[in-house]
Amino acid sequence: MPSALYGISFTDTGNLLAVCSFEKQTLTKKEDADALLKKLIGDKLQIAIGDVGVLEISATRVAADLIDAKQDFERVVSNVYGYRLKLGGNDKPGDGNDKVVEPAKSNFVTNIKFNGSPATEVQVDLKEQEGPFGKDAFLVFEGLDPIKGKTTPNAKDAKFPLDPTLVLKSGEFYRMLFIKDDVPVSAAFLKAP
């Protein structure tokens, strides 16, 4: 059977989190894409970050799509986090339609850090200001559901308050991903203060 390239993306933004080559499937509706996703990752997408261990994202927060065969697969595979699905009109991640991918490059992450001691938030620093209005962004933090936040208006950052019931152990390392639709996904493996 011929194979095809599939992208697994974060449903809220369309950013690619993984790609895989798999036998070509006929995806004509959302149910087909959901069945393929289940076959590929089961209940959770696991992403290796750091020396050992993985960051897990629930399958309900990701989607699988066939990547259009006209794409430059080599570039996509070598820089998965730098691409996002090109969504227009009624297109949604995992809707059963073939997708084209495009670079996510309007801005870039320069640093990810904990603020406070003990840590009360995660701050993501960006290369450029995001403008006068906060734009949606997400932090996928080890052991938690994705945290939705916004970039700081007229600033070069996004701050994600941590749940006060979350107890971080000083000196321990924690995995996280920053996801924003027009910015390459950025991973961090940070030591708690």
Protein backbone atom coordinates (compact mmCIF):
# COMPACT_ATOMS: atom_id res chain seq x y z
CA MET A 1 0.00 0.00 0.00
CA PRO A 2 1.25 3.52 -0.70
CA SER A 3 2.13 5.70 2.27
CA ALA A 4 1.32 9.32 3.00
CA LEU A 5 2.45 12.01 5.44
CA TYR A 6 0.06 12.90 8.25
CA GLY A 7 0.29 15.88 10.54
CA ILE A 8 -0.84 15.83 14.15
CA SER A 9 -1.76 19.35 15.20
CA PHE A 10 -3.02 21.22 18.24
CA THR A 11 -6.73 21.72 17.53
CA ASP A 12 -6.97 25.27 18.93
CA THR A 13 -4.27 26.69 16.64
CA GLY A 14 -3.39 24.20 13.90
CA ASN A 15 0.31 24.15 14.90
CA LEU A 16 2.02 20.87 14.04
CA LEU A 17 3.20 18.80 17.01
CA ALA A 18 4.19 15.65 15.11
CA VAL A 19 4.23 14.11 11.66
CA CYS A 20 4.22 10.47 10.66
CA SER A 21 4.29 8.38 7.53
CA PHE A 22 1.51 5.80 7.46
CA GLU A 23 -0.39 3.82 4.84
CA LYS A 24 -2.60 6.15 2.85
CA GLN A 25 -6.12 6.40 4.29
CA THR A 26 -9.28 7.81 2.78
CA LEU A 27 -10.32 10.64 5.09
CA THR A 28 -13.60 12.18 3.98
CA LYS A 29 -15.07 13.29 7.29
CA LYS A 30 -14.13 14.05 10.89
CA GLU A 31 -14.92 10.51 12.05
CA ASP A 32 -12.33 9.10 9.61
CA ALA A 33 -9.68 11.52 10.91
CA ASP A 34 -10.59 10.67 14.53
CA ALA A 35 -10.24 6.93 13.84
CA LEU A 36 -6.82 7.49 12.24
CA LEU A 37 -5.70 9.62 15.20
CA LYS A 38 -6.75 6.84 17.60
CA LYS A 39 -4.73 4.35 15.51
CA LEU A 40 -1.65 6.59 15.51
CA ILE A 41 -1.50 7.82 19.13
CA GLY A 42 -4.19 6.10 21.20
CA ASP A 43 -5.53 8.35 23.97
CA LYS A 44 -2.50 10.67 24.27
CA LEU A 45 0.18 12.23 22.11
CA GLN A 46 3.52 11.75 23.84
CA ILE A 47 6.31 14.25 23.15
CA ALA A 48 9.82 13.60 24.44
CA ILE A 49 11.28 16.67 26.15
CA GLY A 50 14.39 16.57 28.31
CA ASP A 51 16.64 13.66 29.15
CA VAL A 52 13.91 11.20 30.13
CA GLY A 53 10.16 11.24 30.21
CA VAL A 54 7.47 12.73 28.02
CA LEU A 55 4.88 15.48 27.93
CA GLU A 56 1.43 14.04 27.25
CA ILE A 57 -1.40 15.82 25.46
CA SER A 58 -4.88 14.32 25.43
CA ALA A 59 -6.07 13.07 22.04
CA THR A 60 -9.09 15.38 22.49
CA ARG A 61 -6.73 18.38 22.04
CA VAL A 62 -5.00 17.17 18.85
CA ALA A 63 -6.12 16.15 15.35
CA ALA A 64 -4.74 14.14 12.41
CA ASP A 65 -4.76 15.40 8.82
CA LEU A 66 -3.34 14.15 5.54
CA ILE A 67 -0.68 16.62 4.38
CA ASP A 68 -1.07 17.51 0.70
CA ALA A 69 1.43 15.54 -1.43
CA LYS A 70 2.66 18.71 -3.17
CA GLN A 71 4.31 19.91 0.06
CA ASP A 72 8.07 19.90 0.63
CA PHE A 73 8.00 16.99 3.08
CA GLU A 74 11.71 17.18 3.85
CA ARG A 75 11.41 20.71 5.26
CA VAL A 76 8.30 19.85 7.27
CA VAL A 77 9.78 16.68 8.75
CA SER A 78 13.07 18.41 9.66
CA ASN A 79 11.29 21.29 11.45
CA VAL A 80 7.87 20.04 12.54
CA TYR A 81 7.36 22.71 15.23
CA GLY A 82 7.97 25.45 12.66
CA TYR A 83 4.83 24.64 10.66
CA ARG A 84 1.09 25.00 11.04
CA LEU A 85 -1.94 23.95 9.03
CA LYS A 86 -3.10 26.56 6.55
CA LEU A 87 -6.73 26.94 7.55
CA GLY A 88 -9.23 28.99 5.66
CA GLY A 89 -13.00 29.28 5.49
CA ASN A 90 -14.56 26.39 7.38
CA ASP A 91 -11.37 24.28 7.57
CA LYS A 92 -10.60 22.84 10.98
CA PRO A 93 -7.88 20.47 12.17
CA GLY A 94 -9.08 16.88 11.82
CA ASP A 95 -12.09 17.63 9.60
CA GLY A 96 -11.22 14.92 7.04
CA ASN A 97 -9.93 17.32 4.36
CA ASP A 98 -6.35 17.22 3.06
CA LYS A 99 -4.28 20.11 4.40
CA VAL A 100 -1.47 22.32 3.21
CA VAL A 101 1.06 23.43 5.80
CA GLU A 102 2.80 26.81 6.03
CA PRO A 103 5.60 28.17 8.16
CA ALA A 104 4.58 29.65 11.53
CA LYS A 105 6.95 32.57 11.47
CA SER A 106 5.42 35.91 12.38
CA ASN A 107 7.28 35.91 15.69
CA PHE A 108 9.68 33.72 17.69
CA VAL A 109 10.19 32.66 21.29
CA THR A 110 13.45 33.91 22.82
CA ASN A 111 13.07 32.54 26.37
CA ILE A 112 10.76 30.58 28.65
CA LYS A 113 11.12 30.93 32.42
CA PHE A 114 9.40 30.57 35.78
CA ASN A 115 8.53 33.76 37.66
CA GLY A 116 8.44 33.82 41.46
CA SER A 117 9.93 31.63 44.13
CA PRO A 118 8.05 29.41 44.50
CA ALA A 119 6.98 29.73 40.87
CA THR A 120 3.60 31.41 40.37
CA GLU A 121 3.66 31.75 36.59
CA VAL A 122 5.47 30.84 33.39
CA GLN A 123 6.65 33.72 31.22
CA VAL A 124 7.32 33.29 27.51
CA ASP A 125 9.44 36.05 25.96
CA LEU A 126 8.94 36.85 22.27
CA LYS A 127 11.28 38.53 19.78
CA GLU A 128 8.72 41.15 18.69
CA GLN A 129 5.81 42.99 20.31
CA GLU A 130 2.46 41.43 19.55
CA GLY A 131 0.54 44.70 19.18
CA PRO A 132 -2.11 46.56 21.20
CA PHE A 133 -4.38 43.55 21.73
CA GLY A 134 -3.60 40.29 23.49
CA LYS A 135 -3.61 37.29 21.15
CA ASP A 136 -4.55 33.74 22.15
CA ALA A 137 -1.70 31.50 23.20
CA PHE A 138 -1.44 28.19 25.06
CA LEU A 139 0.93 26.60 27.54
CA VAL A 140 0.92 22.82 27.73
CA PHE A 141 2.44 22.12 31.15
CA GLU A 142 3.41 18.67 32.38
CA GLY A 143 0.47 16.94 34.05
CA LEU A 144 -2.05 19.73 33.33
CA ASP A 145 -4.64 20.47 30.67
CA PRO A 146 -3.44 23.16 28.25
CA ILE A 147 -3.60 26.62 29.85
CA LYS A 148 -5.15 29.25 27.59
CA GLY A 149 -3.77 32.76 27.90
CA LYS A 150 -3.02 35.83 25.85
CA THR A 151 0.07 37.69 24.83
CA THR A 152 0.63 40.89 26.80
CA PRO A 153 -0.61 43.94 24.83
CA ASN A 154 2.21 46.19 23.60
CA ALA A 155 4.84 43.89 25.08
CA LYS A 156 7.09 41.03 24.02
CA ASP A 157 5.72 38.29 26.25
CA ALA A 158 2.90 36.05 27.37
CA LYS A 159 2.39 35.10 31.02
CA PHE A 160 0.58 32.01 32.23
CA PRO A 161 -0.44 31.94 35.92
CA LEU A 162 -0.01 28.52 37.49
CA ASP A 163 -2.83 26.99 39.47
CA PRO A 164 -2.15 27.84 43.15
CA THR A 165 -2.90 24.23 44.10
CA LEU A 166 -0.05 23.04 41.87
CA VAL A 167 2.99 22.37 44.03
CA LEU A 168 6.27 22.49 42.14
CA LYS A 169 9.23 20.89 43.85
CA SER A 170 12.22 23.21 44.01
CA GLY A 171 15.08 21.82 41.92
CA GLU A 172 12.84 19.46 39.91
CA PHE A 173 12.53 19.83 36.13
CA TYR A 174 9.20 20.34 34.35
CA ARG A 175 8.27 19.95 30.68
CA MET A 176 6.15 22.44 28.75
CA LEU A 177 5.23 23.66 25.26
CA PHE A 178 4.28 27.18 24.18
CA ILE A 179 1.79 27.18 21.30
CA LYS A 180 0.53 30.19 19.35
CA ASP A 181 -0.85 29.88 15.83
CA ASP A 182 1.68 32.08 14.01
CA VAL A 183 4.76 31.25 16.13
CA PRO A 184 6.84 28.05 15.99
CA VAL A 185 5.97 25.71 18.86
CA SER A 186 8.63 26.01 21.57
CA ALA A 187 9.51 23.34 24.11
CA ALA A 188 11.13 23.90 27.49
CA PHE A 189 12.50 21.67 30.26
CA LEU A 190 12.82 24.04 33.19
CA LYS A 191 14.12 23.69 36.75
CA ALA A 192 11.67 25.00 39.35
CA PRO A 193 13.11 27.71 41.65
